[in-house]
């Protein structure tokens, strides 16, 4: 499995492209903010000779859905997310305006993902984990075979997600992290929504919110 990370938008969100030898790939949290960034993503996918077959959202804050309309127009893919993210998805343009940014209304999801769902493409299997706290419908996508997890804004290298936005709750977030993420193999790589990759072992030792 190959994991590619591209950073987009003024908010510097990580967009992940997850692929294997079949060429099929999933795009996780498409944050392309403008035409230049959209074309950068498309060129990268073409250069790697990949075929996007899935768009996934860990959650639907504005920075994580900036590029959803482009993915629909370019690859005819709608996102899959948790049902509790619909309010964030619908309110994303208003939130963008609040931060001095602009975006078109994101497309409706193709389907909803629940805790425990298994998502398959190519030869890759991802297990969805409901990890509320940063948002009500936050998801993480765990690949046990490759010992990695895509956590969105639930946990970062040395930090955790903010909880002062609608749907956020600090105690719920810590519960999600401790009961869902930190129980995985310590060598598991964490690919978060912002910043560099880390491991569960590193966060257990060094993250001040968890020690």
N, C-alpha and C. Protein backbone atom coordinates (compact mmCIF):
# COMPACT_ATOMS: atom_id res chain seq x y z
N UNK A 1 0.84 -1.20 0.00
CA UNK A 1 0.00 0.00 0.00
C UNK A 1 0.87 1.24 0.00
N UNK A 2 0.49 2.21 -0.79
CA UNK A 2 1.19 3.49 -0.84
C UNK A 2 0.29 4.58 -0.28
N UNK A 3 0.85 5.43 0.55
CA UNK A 3 0.13 6.56 1.12
C UNK A 3 0.84 7.84 0.69
N UNK A 4 0.13 8.67 -0.05
CA UNK A 4 0.67 9.95 -0.50
C UNK A 4 -0.04 11.07 0.24
N UNK A 5 0.73 12.07 0.65
CA UNK A 5 0.16 13.21 1.39
C UNK A 5 0.41 14.50 0.60
N UNK A 6 -0.66 15.21 0.32
CA UNK A 6 -0.59 16.52 -0.30
C UNK A 6 -1.24 17.52 0.65
N UNK A 7 -0.63 18.69 0.80
CA UNK A 7 -1.13 19.70 1.73
C UNK A 7 -1.77 20.83 0.93
N UNK A 8 -3.01 21.17 1.28
CA UNK A 8 -3.77 22.15 0.52
C UNK A 8 -4.40 23.21 1.41
N UNK A 9 -4.76 24.31 0.80
CA UNK A 9 -5.57 25.41 1.34
C UNK A 9 -4.78 26.25 2.33
N UNK A 10 -5.28 27.47 2.63
CA UNK A 10 -4.63 28.31 3.65
C UNK A 10 -4.61 27.66 5.03
N UNK A 11 -5.46 26.66 5.25
CA UNK A 11 -5.53 26.00 6.56
C UNK A 11 -4.58 24.80 6.61
N UNK A 12 -3.92 24.50 5.51
CA UNK A 12 -2.90 23.45 5.43
C UNK A 12 -3.42 22.10 5.92
N UNK A 13 -4.43 21.63 5.23
CA UNK A 13 -5.01 20.32 5.56
C UNK A 13 -4.29 19.24 4.76
N UNK A 14 -4.12 18.08 5.39
CA UNK A 14 -3.53 16.94 4.70
C UNK A 14 -4.60 16.21 3.90
N UNK A 15 -4.34 16.07 2.61
CA UNK A 15 -5.17 15.22 1.75
C UNK A 15 -4.37 13.97 1.46
N UNK A 16 -4.96 12.81 1.72
CA UNK A 16 -4.25 11.55 1.52
C UNK A 16 -4.81 10.82 0.30
N UNK A 17 -3.90 10.25 -0.45
CA UNK A 17 -4.24 9.35 -1.55
C UNK A 17 -3.69 7.98 -1.18
N UNK A 18 -4.58 7.02 -1.05
CA UNK A 18 -4.19 5.67 -0.60
C UNK A 18 -4.40 4.72 -1.76
N UNK A 19 -3.33 4.03 -2.17
CA UNK A 19 -3.39 3.20 -3.38
C UNK A 19 -2.62 1.90 -3.18
N UNK A 20 -2.85 0.97 -4.10
CA UNK A 20 -2.05 -0.25 -4.11
C UNK A 20 -1.67 -0.58 -5.54
N UNK A 21 -1.15 -1.79 -5.75
CA UNK A 21 -0.61 -2.15 -7.06
C UNK A 21 -1.67 -2.23 -8.14
N UNK A 22 -2.95 -2.30 -7.77
CA UNK A 22 -4.01 -2.34 -8.79
C UNK A 22 -4.20 -0.97 -9.44
N UNK A 23 -3.73 0.08 -8.79
CA UNK A 23 -3.93 1.43 -9.30
C UNK A 23 -5.16 2.11 -8.74
N UNK A 24 -6.08 1.32 -8.15
CA UNK A 24 -7.24 1.94 -7.53
C UNK A 24 -6.80 2.71 -6.28
N UNK A 25 -7.46 3.85 -6.04
CA UNK A 25 -7.08 4.64 -4.88
C UNK A 25 -8.30 5.30 -4.25
N UNK A 26 -8.15 5.59 -2.98
CA UNK A 26 -9.14 6.38 -2.24
C UNK A 26 -8.51 7.72 -1.90
N UNK A 27 -9.32 8.76 -1.98
CA UNK A 27 -8.89 10.09 -1.57
C UNK A 27 -9.55 10.38 -0.23
N UNK A 28 -8.75 10.72 0.77
CA UNK A 28 -9.27 10.99 2.11
C UNK A 28 -9.11 12.48 2.41
N UNK A 29 -10.22 13.16 2.68
CA UNK A 29 -10.24 14.58 3.05
C UNK A 29 -9.62 15.46 1.96
N UNK A 30 -10.35 15.63 0.88
CA UNK A 30 -9.84 16.45 -0.23
C UNK A 30 -9.94 17.93 0.13
N UNK A 31 -8.80 18.56 0.36
CA UNK A 31 -8.77 19.95 0.81
C UNK A 31 -8.41 20.95 -0.25
N UNK A 32 -8.48 20.57 -1.53
CA UNK A 32 -8.10 21.50 -2.61
C UNK A 32 -8.98 22.75 -2.55
N UNK A 33 -8.35 23.91 -2.40
CA UNK A 33 -9.10 25.15 -2.17
C UNK A 33 -9.41 25.92 -3.45
N UNK A 34 -8.54 25.87 -4.43
CA UNK A 34 -8.74 26.65 -5.65
C UNK A 34 -8.38 25.81 -6.87
N UNK A 35 -8.53 26.41 -8.04
CA UNK A 35 -8.32 25.69 -9.29
C UNK A 35 -6.88 25.18 -9.40
N UNK A 36 -5.93 25.99 -8.97
CA UNK A 36 -4.53 25.58 -9.03
C UNK A 36 -4.28 24.33 -8.21
N UNK A 37 -4.87 24.28 -7.01
CA UNK A 37 -4.68 23.11 -6.16
C UNK A 37 -5.42 21.90 -6.71
N UNK A 38 -6.58 22.11 -7.29
CA UNK A 38 -7.31 21.01 -7.91
C UNK A 38 -6.51 20.38 -9.04
N UNK A 39 -5.91 21.22 -9.86
CA UNK A 39 -5.12 20.72 -10.97
C UNK A 39 -3.85 20.03 -10.48
N UNK A 40 -3.30 20.53 -9.38
CA UNK A 40 -2.13 19.87 -8.80
C UNK A 40 -2.47 18.44 -8.37
N UNK A 41 -3.64 18.27 -7.74
CA UNK A 41 -4.07 16.93 -7.33
C UNK A 41 -4.29 16.05 -8.55
N UNK A 42 -4.99 16.57 -9.56
CA UNK A 42 -5.28 15.79 -10.76
C UNK A 42 -4.00 15.37 -11.48
N UNK A 43 -3.03 16.27 -11.56
CA UNK A 43 -1.75 15.94 -12.21
C UNK A 43 -1.01 14.86 -11.43
N UNK A 44 -1.06 14.95 -10.11
CA UNK A 44 -0.39 13.95 -9.28
C UNK A 44 -1.00 12.57 -9.51
N UNK A 45 -2.32 12.51 -9.52
CA UNK A 45 -3.01 11.24 -9.74
C UNK A 45 -2.68 10.68 -11.12
N UNK A 46 -2.63 11.55 -12.11
CA UNK A 46 -2.30 11.11 -13.47
C UNK A 46 -0.85 10.63 -13.54
N UNK A 47 0.06 11.36 -12.89
CA UNK A 47 1.47 11.00 -12.90
C UNK A 47 1.69 9.62 -12.29
N UNK A 48 0.95 9.32 -11.24
CA UNK A 48 1.09 8.03 -10.56
C UNK A 48 0.25 6.94 -11.23
N UNK A 49 -0.48 7.30 -12.28
CA UNK A 49 -1.31 6.36 -13.03
C UNK A 49 -2.33 5.68 -12.11
N UNK A 50 -3.02 6.50 -11.32
CA UNK A 50 -3.99 5.99 -10.36
C UNK A 50 -5.42 6.20 -10.85
N UNK A 51 -6.31 5.40 -10.31
CA UNK A 51 -7.73 5.51 -10.63
C UNK A 51 -8.51 5.73 -9.34
N UNK A 52 -8.97 6.97 -9.08
CA UNK A 52 -9.77 7.22 -7.88
C UNK A 52 -11.10 6.49 -7.94
N UNK A 53 -11.40 5.74 -6.88
CA UNK A 53 -12.66 5.00 -6.82
C UNK A 53 -13.47 5.35 -5.58
N UNK A 54 -12.86 6.07 -4.63
CA UNK A 54 -13.56 6.42 -3.39
C UNK A 54 -13.11 7.79 -2.90
N UNK A 55 -14.07 8.54 -2.37
CA UNK A 55 -13.78 9.77 -1.64
C UNK A 55 -14.31 9.58 -0.22
N UNK A 56 -13.43 9.71 0.77
CA UNK A 56 -13.79 9.51 2.16
C UNK A 56 -13.54 10.78 2.95
N UNK A 57 -14.39 11.04 3.92
CA UNK A 57 -14.17 12.17 4.83
C UNK A 57 -14.11 11.68 6.27
N UNK A 58 -13.02 12.02 6.96
CA UNK A 58 -12.94 11.74 8.39
C UNK A 58 -13.97 12.58 9.13
N UNK A 59 -14.17 13.80 8.66
CA UNK A 59 -15.22 14.69 9.15
C UNK A 59 -15.41 15.77 8.09
N UNK A 60 -16.38 16.66 8.30
CA UNK A 60 -16.76 17.57 7.22
C UNK A 60 -16.60 19.04 7.57
N UNK A 61 -15.59 19.38 8.37
CA UNK A 61 -15.25 20.78 8.52
C UNK A 61 -14.80 21.33 7.17
N UNK A 62 -14.94 22.63 7.00
CA UNK A 62 -14.72 23.25 5.69
C UNK A 62 -13.41 22.85 5.04
N UNK A 63 -12.30 22.85 5.81
CA UNK A 63 -11.00 22.60 5.22
C UNK A 63 -10.85 21.18 4.69
N UNK A 64 -11.67 20.27 5.18
CA UNK A 64 -11.60 18.88 4.74
C UNK A 64 -12.53 18.57 3.57
N UNK A 65 -13.38 19.52 3.21
CA UNK A 65 -14.32 19.29 2.10
C UNK A 65 -14.21 20.33 0.99
N UNK A 66 -13.19 21.19 1.07
CA UNK A 66 -13.02 22.20 0.02
C UNK A 66 -13.06 21.59 -1.37
N UNK A 67 -12.45 20.42 -1.54
CA UNK A 67 -12.31 19.83 -2.87
C UNK A 67 -13.37 18.82 -3.26
N UNK A 68 -14.40 18.65 -2.43
CA UNK A 68 -15.38 17.60 -2.72
C UNK A 68 -16.12 17.83 -4.04
N UNK A 69 -16.43 19.07 -4.35
CA UNK A 69 -17.14 19.34 -5.60
C UNK A 69 -16.23 19.04 -6.80
N UNK A 70 -14.96 19.38 -6.69
CA UNK A 70 -14.02 19.08 -7.77
C UNK A 70 -13.94 17.57 -8.01
N UNK A 71 -13.90 16.79 -6.93
CA UNK A 71 -13.81 15.33 -7.07
C UNK A 71 -15.06 14.79 -7.77
N UNK A 72 -16.21 15.37 -7.48
CA UNK A 72 -17.43 14.95 -8.17
C UNK A 72 -17.35 15.29 -9.65
N UNK A 73 -16.92 16.50 -9.97
CA UNK A 73 -16.87 16.94 -11.36
C UNK A 73 -15.79 16.21 -12.16
N UNK A 74 -14.67 15.93 -11.52
CA UNK A 74 -13.53 15.31 -12.22
C UNK A 74 -13.64 13.79 -12.29
N UNK A 75 -14.05 13.17 -11.18
CA UNK A 75 -14.02 11.71 -11.10
C UNK A 75 -15.39 11.08 -10.84
N UNK A 76 -16.43 11.90 -10.78
CA UNK A 76 -17.80 11.43 -10.55
C UNK A 76 -17.91 10.65 -9.23
N UNK A 77 -17.24 11.16 -8.20
CA UNK A 77 -17.27 10.53 -6.88
C UNK A 77 -17.85 11.48 -5.85
N UNK A 78 -18.77 10.99 -5.06
CA UNK A 78 -19.28 11.73 -3.91
C UNK A 78 -18.69 11.12 -2.64
N UNK A 79 -18.63 11.92 -1.61
CA UNK A 79 -17.99 11.45 -0.39
C UNK A 79 -18.82 10.43 0.37
N UNK A 80 -18.14 9.68 1.21
CA UNK A 80 -18.74 8.80 2.19
C UNK A 80 -18.28 9.31 3.55
N UNK A 81 -19.22 9.57 4.45
CA UNK A 81 -18.90 10.14 5.76
C UNK A 81 -19.93 9.65 6.78
N UNK A 82 -19.78 10.08 8.01
CA UNK A 82 -20.73 9.71 9.05
C UNK A 82 -21.97 10.60 8.95
N UNK A 83 -23.12 10.04 9.26
CA UNK A 83 -24.37 10.81 9.14
C UNK A 83 -24.39 12.04 10.05
N UNK A 84 -23.68 11.99 11.17
CA UNK A 84 -23.66 13.13 12.09
C UNK A 84 -22.84 14.30 11.57
N UNK A 85 -22.26 14.17 10.38
CA UNK A 85 -21.48 15.26 9.79
C UNK A 85 -22.28 16.11 8.82
N UNK A 86 -23.55 15.80 8.63
CA UNK A 86 -24.33 16.54 7.64
C UNK A 86 -24.44 18.03 7.97
N UNK A 87 -24.56 18.38 9.24
CA UNK A 87 -24.65 19.80 9.59
C UNK A 87 -23.35 20.52 9.26
N UNK A 88 -22.21 19.89 9.54
CA UNK A 88 -20.93 20.50 9.18
C UNK A 88 -20.81 20.65 7.67
N UNK A 89 -21.26 19.65 6.94
CA UNK A 89 -21.17 19.70 5.48
C UNK A 89 -22.02 20.84 4.93
N UNK A 90 -23.25 20.96 5.42
CA UNK A 90 -24.15 21.99 4.92
C UNK A 90 -23.70 23.39 5.34
N UNK A 91 -23.08 23.50 6.50
CA UNK A 91 -22.67 24.81 7.01
C UNK A 91 -21.27 25.22 6.57
N UNK A 92 -20.59 24.37 5.82
CA UNK A 92 -19.21 24.66 5.43
C UNK A 92 -19.05 25.99 4.69
N UNK A 93 -19.92 26.34 3.72
CA UNK A 93 -19.74 27.64 3.05
C UNK A 93 -19.86 28.82 4.00
N UNK A 94 -20.79 28.76 4.95
CA UNK A 94 -20.94 29.84 5.93
C UNK A 94 -19.71 29.93 6.83
N UNK A 95 -19.17 28.78 7.23
CA UNK A 95 -17.96 28.77 8.05
C UNK A 95 -16.79 29.34 7.27
N UNK A 96 -16.71 29.02 5.97
CA UNK A 96 -15.63 29.56 5.13
C UNK A 96 -15.72 31.09 5.08
N UNK A 97 -16.91 31.60 4.91
CA UNK A 97 -17.10 33.05 4.87
C UNK A 97 -16.67 33.69 6.18
N UNK A 98 -16.96 33.02 7.30
CA UNK A 98 -16.57 33.53 8.62
C UNK A 98 -15.06 33.68 8.72
N UNK A 99 -14.32 32.76 8.08
CA UNK A 99 -12.85 32.80 8.12
C UNK A 99 -12.26 33.60 6.96
N UNK A 100 -13.12 34.31 6.21
CA UNK A 100 -12.64 35.12 5.11
C UNK A 100 -12.30 34.32 3.87
N UNK A 101 -12.88 33.12 3.74
CA UNK A 101 -12.63 32.25 2.61
C UNK A 101 -13.92 32.04 1.83
N UNK A 102 -13.80 31.46 0.65
CA UNK A 102 -14.97 31.23 -0.18
C UNK A 102 -14.99 29.78 -0.65
N UNK A 103 -16.19 29.23 -0.75
CA UNK A 103 -16.33 27.89 -1.33
C UNK A 103 -17.76 27.68 -1.80
N UNK A 104 -17.91 26.83 -2.81
CA UNK A 104 -19.24 26.44 -3.25
C UNK A 104 -19.81 25.39 -2.30
N UNK A 105 -21.12 25.23 -2.32
CA UNK A 105 -21.74 24.23 -1.45
C UNK A 105 -21.26 22.84 -1.83
N UNK A 106 -20.76 22.06 -0.88
CA UNK A 106 -20.29 20.71 -1.20
C UNK A 106 -21.45 19.81 -1.62
N UNK A 107 -21.19 18.84 -2.47
CA UNK A 107 -22.24 17.89 -2.87
C UNK A 107 -22.67 17.03 -1.69
N UNK A 108 -23.89 16.51 -1.77
CA UNK A 108 -24.36 15.57 -0.76
C UNK A 108 -23.54 14.28 -0.82
N UNK A 109 -23.44 13.56 0.29
CA UNK A 109 -22.69 12.30 0.29
C UNK A 109 -23.37 11.24 -0.58
N UNK A 110 -22.58 10.28 -1.00
CA UNK A 110 -23.13 9.11 -1.70
C UNK A 110 -23.75 8.15 -0.69
N UNK A 111 -23.08 7.99 0.44
CA UNK A 111 -23.60 7.10 1.49
C UNK A 111 -22.96 7.48 2.81
N UNK A 112 -23.47 6.87 3.88
CA UNK A 112 -22.96 7.14 5.21
C UNK A 112 -22.21 5.93 5.76
N UNK A 113 -21.20 6.23 6.55
CA UNK A 113 -20.36 5.20 7.15
C UNK A 113 -20.63 5.16 8.65
N UNK A 114 -20.75 3.96 9.18
CA UNK A 114 -20.97 3.78 10.62
C UNK A 114 -19.78 3.06 11.25
N UNK A 115 -19.72 3.11 12.55
CA UNK A 115 -18.65 2.45 13.29
C UNK A 115 -18.60 0.96 12.94
N UNK A 116 -17.42 0.50 12.60
CA UNK A 116 -17.23 -0.92 12.29
C UNK A 116 -17.36 -1.28 10.83
N UNK A 117 -17.84 -0.35 10.00
CA UNK A 117 -17.95 -0.63 8.57
C UNK A 117 -16.57 -0.91 7.98
N UNK A 118 -16.52 -1.82 7.02
CA UNK A 118 -15.28 -2.15 6.33
C UNK A 118 -15.36 -1.60 4.90
N UNK A 119 -14.37 -0.82 4.54
CA UNK A 119 -14.33 -0.16 3.23
C UNK A 119 -13.23 -0.81 2.42
N UNK A 120 -13.57 -1.30 1.23
CA UNK A 120 -12.60 -2.04 0.43
C UNK A 120 -12.46 -1.42 -0.96
N UNK A 121 -11.24 -1.36 -1.43
CA UNK A 121 -10.94 -0.93 -2.80
C UNK A 121 -9.60 -1.54 -3.17
N UNK A 122 -9.43 -1.90 -4.44
CA UNK A 122 -8.22 -2.63 -4.81
C UNK A 122 -8.08 -3.84 -3.89
N UNK A 123 -6.90 -3.98 -3.30
CA UNK A 123 -6.67 -5.04 -2.32
C UNK A 123 -6.57 -4.48 -0.91
N UNK A 124 -7.08 -3.27 -0.72
CA UNK A 124 -6.98 -2.58 0.56
C UNK A 124 -8.29 -2.67 1.32
N UNK A 125 -8.19 -2.87 2.61
CA UNK A 125 -9.35 -2.92 3.48
C UNK A 125 -9.14 -1.94 4.64
N UNK A 126 -10.09 -1.02 4.81
CA UNK A 126 -10.05 -0.05 5.90
C UNK A 126 -11.26 -0.26 6.80
N UNK A 127 -11.03 -0.29 8.09
CA UNK A 127 -12.12 -0.40 9.05
C UNK A 127 -12.43 0.98 9.61
N UNK A 128 -13.68 1.39 9.55
CA UNK A 128 -14.10 2.69 10.04
C UNK A 128 -14.32 2.63 11.55
N UNK A 129 -13.82 3.65 12.24
CA UNK A 129 -14.04 3.78 13.68
C UNK A 129 -14.70 5.13 13.94
N UNK A 130 -15.80 5.11 14.65
CA UNK A 130 -16.45 6.36 15.05
C UNK A 130 -15.68 6.93 16.23
N UNK A 131 -15.11 8.12 16.03
CA UNK A 131 -14.29 8.75 17.07
C UNK A 131 -14.79 10.18 17.32
N UNK A 132 -15.96 10.34 17.90
CA UNK A 132 -16.50 11.68 18.16
C UNK A 132 -15.66 12.44 19.17
N UNK A 133 -15.86 13.74 19.18
CA UNK A 133 -15.16 14.59 20.13
C UNK A 133 -14.69 15.87 19.48
N UNK A 134 -13.96 15.75 18.37
CA UNK A 134 -13.65 16.95 17.57
C UNK A 134 -14.91 17.40 16.86
N UNK A 135 -15.61 16.45 16.29
CA UNK A 135 -16.96 16.66 15.76
C UNK A 135 -17.81 15.47 16.19
N UNK A 136 -19.12 15.59 16.02
CA UNK A 136 -20.02 14.52 16.45
C UNK A 136 -19.84 13.26 15.62
N UNK A 137 -19.53 13.43 14.35
CA UNK A 137 -19.44 12.28 13.45
C UNK A 137 -18.05 11.96 12.98
N UNK A 138 -17.05 12.29 13.77
CA UNK A 138 -15.68 12.02 13.37
C UNK A 138 -15.42 10.54 13.14
N UNK A 139 -14.65 10.25 12.10
CA UNK A 139 -14.27 8.88 11.77
C UNK A 139 -12.76 8.76 11.67
N UNK A 140 -12.27 7.58 11.98
CA UNK A 140 -10.89 7.21 11.67
C UNK A 140 -10.94 5.96 10.80
N UNK A 141 -9.97 5.82 9.91
CA UNK A 141 -9.94 4.67 9.01
C UNK A 141 -8.67 3.88 9.27
N UNK A 142 -8.84 2.64 9.76
CA UNK A 142 -7.72 1.83 10.22
C UNK A 142 -7.43 0.71 9.22
N UNK A 143 -6.19 0.62 8.81
CA UNK A 143 -5.74 -0.50 7.98
C UNK A 143 -4.84 -1.38 8.84
N UNK A 144 -5.41 -2.46 9.34
CA UNK A 144 -4.66 -3.34 10.25
C UNK A 144 -3.48 -3.99 9.53
N UNK A 145 -3.68 -4.40 8.29
CA UNK A 145 -2.64 -5.08 7.54
C UNK A 145 -1.39 -4.22 7.39
N UNK A 146 -1.58 -2.94 7.17
CA UNK A 146 -0.46 -2.02 6.96
C UNK A 146 -0.10 -1.26 8.24
N UNK A 147 -0.80 -1.53 9.33
CA UNK A 147 -0.53 -0.90 10.63
C UNK A 147 -0.51 0.62 10.53
N UNK A 148 -1.62 1.17 10.01
CA UNK A 148 -1.73 2.62 9.94
C UNK A 148 -3.19 3.03 10.14
N UNK A 149 -3.38 4.29 10.51
CA UNK A 149 -4.73 4.80 10.74
C UNK A 149 -4.79 6.26 10.32
N UNK A 150 -5.88 6.62 9.67
CA UNK A 150 -6.13 8.00 9.23
C UNK A 150 -7.13 8.60 10.22
N UNK A 151 -6.68 9.58 10.99
CA UNK A 151 -7.45 10.02 12.16
C UNK A 151 -8.11 11.38 11.99
N UNK A 152 -7.97 12.03 10.85
CA UNK A 152 -8.55 13.36 10.72
C UNK A 152 -7.99 14.28 11.79
N UNK A 153 -8.87 15.05 12.44
CA UNK A 153 -8.42 15.99 13.46
C UNK A 153 -8.64 15.48 14.88
N UNK A 154 -8.71 14.17 15.03
CA UNK A 154 -8.88 13.58 16.35
C UNK A 154 -7.60 13.69 17.17
N UNK A 155 -6.48 13.33 16.58
CA UNK A 155 -5.19 13.37 17.25
C UNK A 155 -4.12 13.80 16.27
N UNK A 156 -3.14 14.54 16.77
CA UNK A 156 -2.01 15.01 15.97
C UNK A 156 -0.71 14.60 16.65
N UNK A 157 0.39 14.80 15.96
CA UNK A 157 1.69 14.60 16.59
C UNK A 157 1.85 15.65 17.69
N UNK A 158 1.79 15.19 18.93
CA UNK A 158 1.97 16.07 20.08
C UNK A 158 0.76 16.86 20.51
N UNK A 159 -0.40 16.58 19.93
CA UNK A 159 -1.59 17.35 20.29
C UNK A 159 -2.85 16.54 20.00
N UNK A 160 -4.00 17.17 20.25
CA UNK A 160 -5.29 16.56 19.95
C UNK A 160 -6.16 17.62 19.27
N UNK A 161 -7.30 17.20 18.74
CA UNK A 161 -8.19 18.11 18.04
C UNK A 161 -8.84 19.12 18.96
N UNK A 162 -9.19 20.26 18.40
CA UNK A 162 -9.91 21.28 19.16
C UNK A 162 -11.34 20.82 19.38
N UNK A 163 -11.94 21.33 20.44
CA UNK A 163 -13.30 20.89 20.78
C UNK A 163 -14.23 22.07 21.03
N UNK A 164 -13.85 23.26 20.56
CA UNK A 164 -14.65 24.45 20.81
C UNK A 164 -15.56 24.82 19.65
N UNK A 165 -15.69 23.92 18.67
CA UNK A 165 -16.58 24.14 17.54
C UNK A 165 -17.83 23.28 17.72
N UNK A 166 -18.92 23.59 16.99
CA UNK A 166 -20.16 22.82 17.15
C UNK A 166 -19.93 21.31 17.03
N UNK A 167 -20.46 20.56 17.98
CA UNK A 167 -20.30 19.12 17.98
C UNK A 167 -19.08 18.63 18.72
N UNK A 168 -18.23 19.57 19.16
CA UNK A 168 -17.02 19.18 19.87
C UNK A 168 -17.26 18.99 21.36
N UNK A 169 -16.51 18.07 21.95
CA UNK A 169 -16.59 17.85 23.39
C UNK A 169 -15.27 17.23 23.84
N UNK A 170 -14.60 17.89 24.78
CA UNK A 170 -13.25 17.50 25.18
C UNK A 170 -13.23 16.09 25.79
N UNK A 171 -14.10 15.82 26.72
CA UNK A 171 -14.10 14.51 27.37
C UNK A 171 -14.42 13.38 26.39
N UNK A 172 -15.34 13.67 25.49
CA UNK A 172 -15.68 12.67 24.47
C UNK A 172 -14.49 12.40 23.57
N UNK A 173 -13.76 13.45 23.20
CA UNK A 173 -12.59 13.29 22.35
C UNK A 173 -11.53 12.42 23.03
N UNK A 174 -11.23 12.70 24.28
CA UNK A 174 -10.24 11.91 25.00
C UNK A 174 -10.69 10.45 25.11
N UNK A 175 -11.97 10.24 25.32
CA UNK A 175 -12.51 8.87 25.39
C UNK A 175 -12.32 8.15 24.06
N UNK A 176 -12.61 8.84 22.97
CA UNK A 176 -12.43 8.23 21.65
C UNK A 176 -10.98 7.85 21.40
N UNK A 177 -10.07 8.76 21.75
CA UNK A 177 -8.65 8.51 21.53
C UNK A 177 -8.18 7.32 22.36
N UNK A 178 -8.54 7.32 23.63
CA UNK A 178 -8.03 6.28 24.54
C UNK A 178 -8.65 4.92 24.28
N UNK A 179 -9.95 4.89 23.92
CA UNK A 179 -10.63 3.61 23.75
C UNK A 179 -10.56 3.05 22.33
N UNK A 180 -10.39 3.91 21.34
CA UNK A 180 -10.40 3.44 19.95
C UNK A 180 -8.99 3.43 19.34
N UNK A 181 -8.24 4.50 19.52
CA UNK A 181 -6.97 4.65 18.81
C UNK A 181 -5.81 4.08 19.60
N UNK A 182 -5.71 4.42 20.86
CA UNK A 182 -4.54 4.01 21.65
C UNK A 182 -4.54 2.53 22.00
N UNK A 183 -5.64 1.83 21.74
CA UNK A 183 -5.69 0.39 21.98
C UNK A 183 -5.12 -0.42 20.82
N UNK A 184 -4.79 0.26 19.72
CA UNK A 184 -4.21 -0.43 18.57
C UNK A 184 -2.73 -0.73 18.84
N UNK A 185 -2.12 -1.49 17.94
CA UNK A 185 -0.71 -1.81 18.06
C UNK A 185 0.11 -0.52 18.18
N UNK A 186 1.02 -0.44 19.17
CA UNK A 186 1.79 0.80 19.37
C UNK A 186 2.58 1.25 18.16
N UNK A 187 2.93 0.33 17.27
CA UNK A 187 3.71 0.71 16.09
C UNK A 187 2.84 1.31 14.98
N UNK A 188 1.53 1.36 15.18
CA UNK A 188 0.61 1.87 14.17
C UNK A 188 0.95 3.32 13.82
N UNK A 189 1.06 3.60 12.53
CA UNK A 189 1.34 4.96 12.05
C UNK A 189 0.05 5.76 12.06
N UNK A 190 0.11 6.96 12.61
CA UNK A 190 -1.02 7.88 12.62
C UNK A 190 -0.84 8.91 11.52
N UNK A 191 -1.77 8.91 10.56
CA UNK A 191 -1.82 9.94 9.53
C UNK A 191 -2.96 10.89 9.90
N UNK A 192 -2.61 12.06 10.39
CA UNK A 192 -3.62 12.98 10.90
C UNK A 192 -3.99 14.04 9.87
N UNK A 193 -4.98 14.84 10.22
CA UNK A 193 -5.52 15.82 9.29
C UNK A 193 -4.63 17.02 9.06
N UNK A 194 -3.69 17.24 9.96
CA UNK A 194 -2.75 18.36 9.82
C UNK A 194 -1.41 17.92 10.41
N UNK A 195 -0.34 18.38 9.83
CA UNK A 195 0.97 18.10 10.38
C UNK A 195 1.54 16.74 9.98
N UNK A 196 2.70 16.39 10.57
CA UNK A 196 3.41 15.18 10.16
C UNK A 196 2.78 13.91 10.73
N UNK A 197 3.20 12.80 10.17
CA UNK A 197 2.79 11.49 10.69
C UNK A 197 3.50 11.23 12.01
N UNK A 198 2.90 10.35 12.79
CA UNK A 198 3.49 9.94 14.06
C UNK A 198 3.11 8.49 14.29
N UNK A 199 3.34 7.96 15.47
CA UNK A 199 2.92 6.61 15.81
C UNK A 199 2.20 6.64 17.15
N UNK A 200 1.43 5.61 17.41
CA UNK A 200 0.76 5.51 18.70
C UNK A 200 1.78 5.47 19.83
N UNK A 201 2.86 4.74 19.62
CA UNK A 201 3.91 4.65 20.64
C UNK A 201 4.47 6.03 20.98
N UNK A 202 4.74 6.84 19.94
CA UNK A 202 5.27 8.19 20.18
C UNK A 202 4.30 9.04 20.98
N UNK A 203 3.01 8.94 20.65
CA UNK A 203 2.01 9.79 21.33
C UNK A 203 1.80 9.34 22.77
N UNK A 204 1.89 8.06 23.02
CA UNK A 204 1.77 7.57 24.39
C UNK A 204 2.92 8.08 25.26
N UNK A 205 4.07 8.28 24.65
CA UNK A 205 5.25 8.73 25.39
C UNK A 205 5.33 10.25 25.50
N UNK A 206 4.89 10.97 24.45
CA UNK A 206 5.25 12.38 24.36
C UNK A 206 4.07 13.34 24.28
N UNK A 207 2.88 12.86 23.97
CA UNK A 207 1.75 13.77 23.81
C UNK A 207 1.29 14.26 25.19
N UNK A 208 1.41 15.55 25.46
CA UNK A 208 1.08 16.05 26.81
C UNK A 208 -0.39 15.88 27.18
N UNK A 209 -1.27 15.72 26.19
CA UNK A 209 -2.69 15.52 26.47
C UNK A 209 -2.99 14.09 26.88
N UNK A 210 -2.04 13.19 26.68
CA UNK A 210 -2.30 11.78 26.90
C UNK A 210 -1.42 11.16 27.98
N UNK A 211 -0.36 11.83 28.33
CA UNK A 211 0.56 11.26 29.33
C UNK A 211 0.07 11.54 30.73
